[in-house]
Amino acid sequence: DSFDILGDGVKELLVGRDDGMIEIYNFESADDPVLRHDYALSESIASIQGGCVGKDGYDEILAATYSGWLTGLTTEPVHREGGSGEELKFSQEMQSKISSLRNELEQLQIKVLQEREKYQQSSQSSSAVSSVPAFSVNDKFTLNKDDASYSLILEVQTAIDNVLVQSDVPLDLLDVDKNSAVVSFSSCDSE
């Protein structure tokens, strides 16, 4: 998207990437864009948009992720400085916002407990049938020309416990910064 998120009168380029990076590029000169800010999410960005959503006068960047989460980055200051011995006072608007968020959190916790109880009752029933849930997999297998390696990216909307990679040719697995997996090697029986 293009949006004036910095408030300088010139639209910036908002980029959401497959690796979860949100980047803001500014066109200070006519030649090349300059990276002004970036922010890392834990999953790929499906859509990105700039605008004024939450509070008048404060622009935001909204990003939708692969699993459906909506993340917002705002220009509204969220921290206040207080001197020594000074009591921090919230405005009425901030107090009502905190109160509504606490109420929403309590309602979600109650809903989670109800759903857990419902699941426990249904799983202990004699007529319960177990099935594997269907889910879509977002996968990419791309060549990195710089180091002649392939990058395998797998995303699903649930936790990934194990990924089995089987090959007829020898493989060298390389670790990357964003990798949270534990790699273990085992040799296959050729038969």
Protein backbone atom coordinates (compact mmCIF):
# COMPACT_ATOMS: atom_id res chain seq x y z
CA ASP A 1 0.00 0.00 0.00
CA SER A 2 1.05 3.64 -0.25
CA PHE A 3 0.11 5.96 2.60
CA ASP A 4 1.58 9.02 4.35
CA ILE A 5 2.23 7.26 7.67
CA LEU A 6 5.12 9.59 8.64
CA GLY A 7 2.97 12.71 8.18
CA ASP A 8 5.49 14.53 6.00
CA GLY A 9 3.10 15.12 3.07
CA VAL A 10 4.68 12.41 0.91
CA LYS A 11 3.22 8.91 0.70
CA GLU A 12 5.42 6.07 1.92
CA LEU A 13 5.45 2.56 0.51
CA LEU A 14 4.11 -0.01 3.00
CA VAL A 15 5.37 -3.53 2.30
CA GLY A 16 4.20 -6.77 3.93
CA ARG A 17 6.42 -9.76 3.17
CA ASP A 18 6.06 -13.54 3.22
CA ASP A 19 8.67 -13.79 5.96
CA GLY A 20 6.54 -11.64 8.30
CA MET A 21 8.41 -8.34 7.85
CA ILE A 22 6.50 -5.06 7.65
CA GLU A 23 8.62 -2.35 6.03
CA ILE A 24 8.07 1.38 5.49
CA TYR A 25 9.98 2.94 2.60
CA ASN A 26 10.33 6.69 2.09
CA PHE A 27 11.14 8.38 -1.21
CA GLU A 28 13.52 11.10 0.00
CA SER A 29 15.34 11.22 -3.31
CA ALA A 30 14.03 10.44 -6.79
CA ASP A 31 16.39 7.49 -7.25
CA ASP A 32 15.88 4.80 -4.63
CA PRO A 33 13.45 4.27 -1.75
CA VAL A 34 14.93 4.42 1.77
CA LEU A 35 13.90 1.94 4.48
CA ARG A 36 12.64 4.10 7.38
CA HIS A 37 11.08 1.51 9.72
CA ASP A 38 10.54 -2.23 9.90
CA TYR A 39 8.70 -4.59 12.21
CA ALA A 40 8.82 -8.40 12.35
CA LEU A 41 5.77 -10.63 12.82
CA SER A 42 5.92 -14.38 13.34
CA GLU A 43 3.99 -15.33 10.19
CA SER A 44 3.57 -14.19 6.60
CA ILE A 45 1.65 -11.04 5.76
CA ALA A 46 -1.38 -11.61 3.51
CA SER A 47 -2.47 -7.95 3.24
CA ILE A 48 -1.37 -4.51 4.40
CA GLN A 49 -3.18 -1.15 4.50
CA GLY A 50 -2.51 2.33 5.89
CA GLY A 51 -5.21 4.61 7.28
CA CYS A 52 -6.85 6.15 10.32
CA VAL A 53 -8.76 3.40 12.13
CA GLY A 54 -8.65 3.58 15.93
CA LYS A 55 -8.38 7.24 16.90
CA ASP A 56 -8.73 10.47 14.93
CA GLY A 57 -5.41 12.16 14.27
CA TYR A 58 -3.31 9.01 14.63
CA ASP A 59 -2.56 7.01 11.49
CA GLU A 60 -2.07 3.25 11.57
CA ILE A 61 -0.83 0.35 9.51
CA LEU A 62 -3.06 -2.73 9.54
CA ALA A 63 -1.67 -6.08 8.45
CA ALA A 64 -3.59 -9.33 8.02
CA THR A 65 -1.50 -12.46 8.52
CA TYR A 66 -1.79 -15.87 6.92
CA SER A 67 -3.65 -17.41 9.86
CA GLY A 68 -6.13 -14.53 9.97
CA TRP A 69 -4.70 -12.35 12.74
CA LEU A 70 -5.10 -8.62 12.29
CA THR A 71 -2.18 -6.58 13.62
CA GLY A 72 -2.09 -2.81 13.92
CA LEU A 73 0.87 -0.46 14.24
CA THR A 74 -0.12 3.04 15.35
CA THR A 75 1.49 6.46 15.53
CA GLU A 76 -0.36 7.14 18.81
CA PRO A 77 2.11 7.43 21.71
CA VAL A 78 1.50 4.65 24.23
CA HIS A 79 4.10 5.56 26.86
CA ARG A 80 4.17 8.58 29.15
CA GLU A 81 7.09 9.91 31.13
CA GLY A 82 6.55 10.69 34.79
CA GLY A 83 8.88 12.54 37.14
CA SER A 84 10.02 11.18 40.49
CA GLY A 85 7.21 10.93 43.00
CA GLU A 86 4.70 11.95 40.34
CA GLU A 87 1.50 9.93 40.17
CA LEU A 88 0.63 8.71 36.67
CA LYS A 89 -2.94 9.62 35.79
CA PHE A 90 -4.83 8.16 32.85
CA SER A 91 -7.37 10.13 30.92
CA GLN A 92 -11.01 9.03 31.09
CA GLU A 93 -10.71 7.74 27.53
CA MET A 94 -7.66 5.62 28.40
CA GLN A 95 -9.36 4.26 31.54
CA SER A 96 -12.44 3.24 29.54
CA LYS A 97 -10.22 1.61 26.91
CA ILE A 98 -8.39 -0.41 29.58
CA SER A 99 -11.69 -1.36 31.21
CA SER A 100 -13.21 -2.56 27.92
CA LEU A 101 -10.08 -4.59 27.12
CA ARG A 102 -10.21 -6.25 30.56
CA ASN A 103 -13.89 -7.09 30.07
CA GLU A 104 -13.17 -8.53 26.63
CA LEU A 105 -10.32 -10.61 28.03
CA GLU A 106 -12.53 -12.01 30.80
CA GLN A 107 -15.25 -12.92 28.28
CA LEU A 108 -12.70 -14.70 26.09
CA GLN A 109 -11.33 -16.64 29.06
CA ILE A 110 -14.85 -17.76 30.00
CA LYS A 111 -15.52 -18.80 26.40
CA VAL A 112 -12.28 -20.82 26.28
CA LEU A 113 -13.19 -22.63 29.51
CA GLN A 114 -16.68 -23.42 28.16
CA GLU A 115 -15.26 -24.79 24.89
CA ARG A 116 -12.69 -26.90 26.77
CA GLU A 117 -15.40 -28.35 28.98
CA LYS A 118 -17.58 -29.03 25.93
CA TYR A 119 -14.68 -30.78 24.20
CA GLN A 120 -13.90 -32.89 27.29
CA GLN A 121 -17.51 -34.02 27.54
CA SER A 122 -17.72 -34.92 23.85
CA SER A 123 -14.38 -36.77 23.85
CA GLN A 124 -15.41 -38.92 26.84
CA SER A 125 -18.72 -39.85 25.28
CA SER A 126 -19.11 -43.46 24.10
CA SER A 127 -20.34 -42.26 20.70
CA ALA A 128 -17.38 -39.90 20.15
CA VAL A 129 -15.56 -40.27 16.85
CA SER A 130 -12.02 -39.03 16.52
CA SER A 131 -10.98 -37.39 13.26
CA VAL A 132 -8.01 -35.44 12.03
CA PRO A 133 -9.01 -31.82 11.37
CA ALA A 134 -8.54 -30.49 7.85
CA PHE A 135 -6.31 -27.46 7.46
CA SER A 136 -4.63 -25.71 4.58
CA VAL A 137 -0.85 -25.53 4.26
CA ASN A 138 0.93 -22.47 2.91
CA ASP A 139 4.15 -23.79 1.43
CA LYS A 140 6.98 -22.28 -0.60
CA PHE A 141 10.12 -23.91 -1.96
CA THR A 142 12.33 -21.26 -3.53
CA LEU A 143 15.89 -21.09 -4.84
CA ASN A 144 18.27 -18.63 -3.21
CA LYS A 145 20.69 -17.68 -5.98
CA ASP A 146 23.25 -16.07 -3.64
CA ASP A 147 24.27 -19.26 -1.85
CA ALA A 148 22.75 -21.88 -4.20
CA SER A 149 20.35 -23.19 -1.58
CA TYR A 150 16.63 -23.83 -1.46
CA SER A 151 14.37 -22.35 1.18
CA LEU A 152 11.41 -24.42 2.39
CA ILE A 153 8.74 -22.40 4.18
CA LEU A 154 5.73 -24.15 5.74
CA GLU A 155 2.85 -22.36 7.47
CA VAL A 156 -0.30 -23.82 8.90
CA GLN A 157 -2.95 -22.41 11.19
CA THR A 158 -2.00 -24.79 13.99
CA ALA A 159 1.24 -25.81 15.70
CA ILE A 160 3.63 -27.94 13.64
CA ASP A 161 4.98 -30.81 15.72
CA ASN A 162 7.05 -32.64 13.12
CA VAL A 163 8.13 -32.21 9.50
CA LEU A 164 9.67 -35.20 7.77
CA VAL A 165 11.92 -34.49 4.79
CA GLN A 166 12.92 -37.56 2.83
CA SER A 167 15.35 -37.47 -0.09
CA ASP A 168 17.10 -39.94 -2.38
CA VAL A 169 20.16 -37.66 -2.55
CA PRO A 170 22.31 -36.38 0.34
CA LEU A 171 21.09 -33.09 1.85
CA ASP A 172 22.80 -30.41 3.92
CA LEU A 173 20.28 -28.58 6.12
CA LEU A 174 21.23 -24.99 6.87
CA ASP A 175 19.95 -23.09 9.87
CA VAL A 176 18.50 -19.60 9.47
CA ASP A 177 17.78 -16.82 11.98
CA LYS A 178 13.99 -17.19 11.89
CA ASN A 179 14.11 -20.97 12.31
CA SER A 180 12.67 -22.24 15.59
CA ALA A 181 12.85 -25.91 14.63
CA VAL A 182 15.08 -28.56 16.17
CA VAL A 183 16.76 -30.55 13.41
CA SER A 184 17.60 -34.23 13.79
CA PHE A 185 19.18 -36.49 11.19
CA SER A 186 18.61 -40.18 10.64
CA SER A 187 19.76 -42.44 7.86
CA CYS A 188 17.23 -44.33 5.80
CA ASP A 189 17.24 -47.98 5.00
CA SER A 190 17.89 -48.12 1.27
CA GLU A 191 15.39 -50.96 0.83
